[in-house]
N, C-alpha and C. Protein backbone atom coordinates (compact mmCIF):
# COMPACT_ATOMS: atom_id res chain seq x y z
N MET A 1 107.82 104.01 99.46
CA MET A 1 106.93 103.49 98.72
C MET A 1 105.43 103.84 98.97
N PRO A 2 104.49 103.70 98.51
CA PRO A 2 103.27 103.91 98.71
C PRO A 2 102.74 102.68 99.28
N SER A 3 101.87 102.75 100.32
CA SER A 3 100.86 101.70 100.59
C SER A 3 99.55 101.90 100.20
N TYR A 4 98.96 100.59 100.02
CA TYR A 4 97.78 100.85 99.66
C TYR A 4 96.53 100.04 100.56
N ALA A 5 95.70 100.38 100.81
CA ALA A 5 94.70 99.51 101.31
C ALA A 5 93.55 99.06 100.86
N TYR A 6 93.21 97.76 101.29
CA TYR A 6 92.34 96.86 100.53
C TYR A 6 91.41 96.26 101.59
N VAL A 7 90.23 95.75 100.89
CA VAL A 7 89.19 95.04 101.88
C VAL A 7 89.12 93.78 101.06
N CYS A 8 88.82 92.76 101.79
CA CYS A 8 88.43 91.29 101.14
C CYS A 8 86.82 91.31 101.09
N LYS A 9 86.61 90.94 99.83
CA LYS A 9 85.07 90.63 99.78
C LYS A 9 84.60 89.39 100.66
N ASP A 10 85.46 88.41 100.54
CA ASP A 10 85.03 87.08 101.11
C ASP A 10 84.87 87.15 102.67
N CYS A 11 86.28 87.40 103.15
CA CYS A 11 86.47 87.42 104.53
C CYS A 11 86.21 88.70 105.25
N LYS A 12 85.98 89.81 104.63
CA LYS A 12 85.90 91.05 105.15
C LYS A 12 86.72 91.66 105.97
N LYS A 13 88.17 91.17 105.84
CA LYS A 13 89.30 91.58 106.51
C LYS A 13 90.04 92.85 105.70
N SER A 14 90.24 93.68 106.63
CA SER A 14 91.24 94.92 105.84
C SER A 14 92.83 95.02 105.97
N PHE A 15 93.38 94.89 104.72
CA PHE A 15 94.88 94.81 105.09
C PHE A 15 95.54 95.76 104.13
N THR A 16 96.74 96.20 104.29
CA THR A 16 97.34 97.13 103.57
C THR A 16 98.69 96.27 102.49
N VAL A 17 98.92 96.95 101.64
CA VAL A 17 99.93 96.25 101.03
C VAL A 17 100.97 97.58 100.38
N THR A 18 102.10 97.34 100.79
CA THR A 18 103.16 98.51 100.33
C THR A 18 103.84 98.01 98.96
N MET A 19 103.69 98.61 98.29
CA MET A 19 104.58 98.48 96.58
C MET A 19 104.75 99.49 95.85
N SER A 20 105.50 99.57 94.92
CA SER A 20 105.95 100.47 94.12
C SER A 20 104.83 100.77 92.99
N LEU A 21 104.85 101.90 92.18
CA LEU A 21 104.03 102.23 91.56
C LEU A 21 103.75 101.23 90.28
N ALA A 22 105.09 100.80 89.94
CA ALA A 22 105.23 99.81 88.69
C ALA A 22 104.72 98.47 89.33
N ASP A 23 104.93 98.04 90.37
CA ASP A 23 104.23 97.08 90.83
C ASP A 23 102.59 97.30 90.91
N TYR A 24 102.08 98.14 91.50
CA TYR A 24 100.83 98.41 91.42
C TYR A 24 100.18 98.42 90.11
N GLU A 25 100.93 98.46 89.18
CA GLU A 25 99.96 98.53 87.98
C GLU A 25 100.00 97.14 87.37
N LYS A 26 100.82 96.34 87.72
CA LYS A 26 100.71 94.83 87.27
C LYS A 26 100.35 93.83 88.57
N ALA A 27 100.14 94.63 89.50
CA ALA A 27 99.80 93.52 90.75
C ALA A 27 98.48 92.67 90.67
N LYS A 28 98.42 91.39 90.95
CA LYS A 28 97.32 91.09 91.39
C LYS A 28 97.11 90.54 92.87
N VAL A 29 96.65 91.51 93.58
CA VAL A 29 96.54 91.61 95.14
C VAL A 29 95.61 90.46 95.63
N THR A 30 96.14 89.52 96.52
CA THR A 30 95.34 88.54 97.13
C THR A 30 95.28 88.52 98.53
N CYS A 31 94.10 88.48 99.40
CA CYS A 31 94.01 88.50 100.81
C CYS A 31 95.00 87.70 101.47
N PRO A 32 95.80 88.22 102.44
CA PRO A 32 96.61 87.50 103.17
C PRO A 32 95.99 86.36 103.99
N SER A 33 94.90 86.69 104.55
CA SER A 33 94.03 85.78 105.47
C SER A 33 93.59 84.78 104.89
N CYS A 34 92.78 84.87 103.70
CA CYS A 34 91.95 83.53 103.25
C CYS A 34 92.66 83.36 101.63
N LYS A 35 93.78 83.95 101.34
CA LYS A 35 93.95 83.80 99.77
C LYS A 35 93.30 84.01 98.82
N SER A 36 91.94 84.88 99.04
CA SER A 36 90.91 85.22 98.13
C SER A 36 91.48 86.19 97.01
N LYS A 37 91.29 86.24 95.79
CA LYS A 37 91.71 87.18 94.87
C LYS A 37 90.23 88.37 94.79
N LYS A 38 89.35 88.11 95.57
CA LYS A 38 87.94 89.07 95.55
C LYS A 38 88.58 90.49 96.26
N VAL A 39 89.34 91.45 95.99
CA VAL A 39 89.81 92.33 96.97
C VAL A 39 89.30 93.57 96.21
N GLU A 40 88.81 94.37 97.25
CA GLU A 40 88.54 95.74 96.56
C GLU A 40 89.47 96.78 97.24
N GLN A 41 89.99 97.76 96.59
CA GLN A 41 91.06 98.69 97.24
C GLN A 41 89.86 99.83 97.73
N LYS A 42 90.20 100.46 98.63
CA LYS A 42 89.57 101.43 99.58
C LYS A 42 90.26 102.62 99.72
N PRO A 43 89.52 103.92 100.02
CA PRO A 43 90.24 104.90 100.04
C PRO A 43 91.35 105.22 101.23
N ALA A 44 92.23 105.51 101.31
CA ALA A 44 93.48 105.54 102.10
C ALA A 44 93.76 106.90 102.59
N THR A 45 94.30 107.08 103.64
CA THR A 45 94.67 108.72 104.26
C THR A 45 95.99 108.82 103.49
N PHE A 46 96.24 110.09 103.12
CA PHE A 46 97.33 110.62 102.39
C PHE A 46 97.99 111.73 103.29
N PHE A 47 99.13 111.90 103.53
CA PHE A 47 99.92 113.19 104.01
C PHE A 47 101.08 113.17 103.20
N ALA A 48 101.56 114.45 103.25
CA ALA A 48 102.52 114.99 102.60
C ALA A 48 103.92 115.76 103.81
N VAL A 49 105.00 115.63 103.32
CA VAL A 49 106.00 116.09 104.42
C VAL A 49 106.68 117.11 103.37
N SER A 50 106.83 118.42 103.86
CA SER A 50 107.50 119.29 102.94
C SER A 50 108.50 120.18 104.04
N ALA A 51 109.50 120.73 103.40
CA ALA A 51 110.52 121.47 103.98
C ALA A 51 110.41 122.64 104.46
N LYS A 52 108.95 123.44 103.78
CA LYS A 52 108.82 124.53 104.11
C LYS A 52 108.14 124.68 105.14
N LYS A 53 108.28 125.56 106.25
CA LYS A 53 107.32 125.86 107.26
C LYS A 53 106.75 127.04 107.12
N SER A 54 105.29 127.09 107.29
CA SER A 54 104.35 128.24 106.85
C SER A 54 104.05 128.71 108.18
């Protein structure tokens, strides 16, 4: 499942949420620290693992 990185606009803390794509479509993300709904998704790192060796 993908992980999504967020930052809270109220308390300025960063956190990650792991959820499926279906949950992401309908999710209302809240800050785990202050329970605020004013969160902004931030760019996250991405890597892929393949079976091919180059």
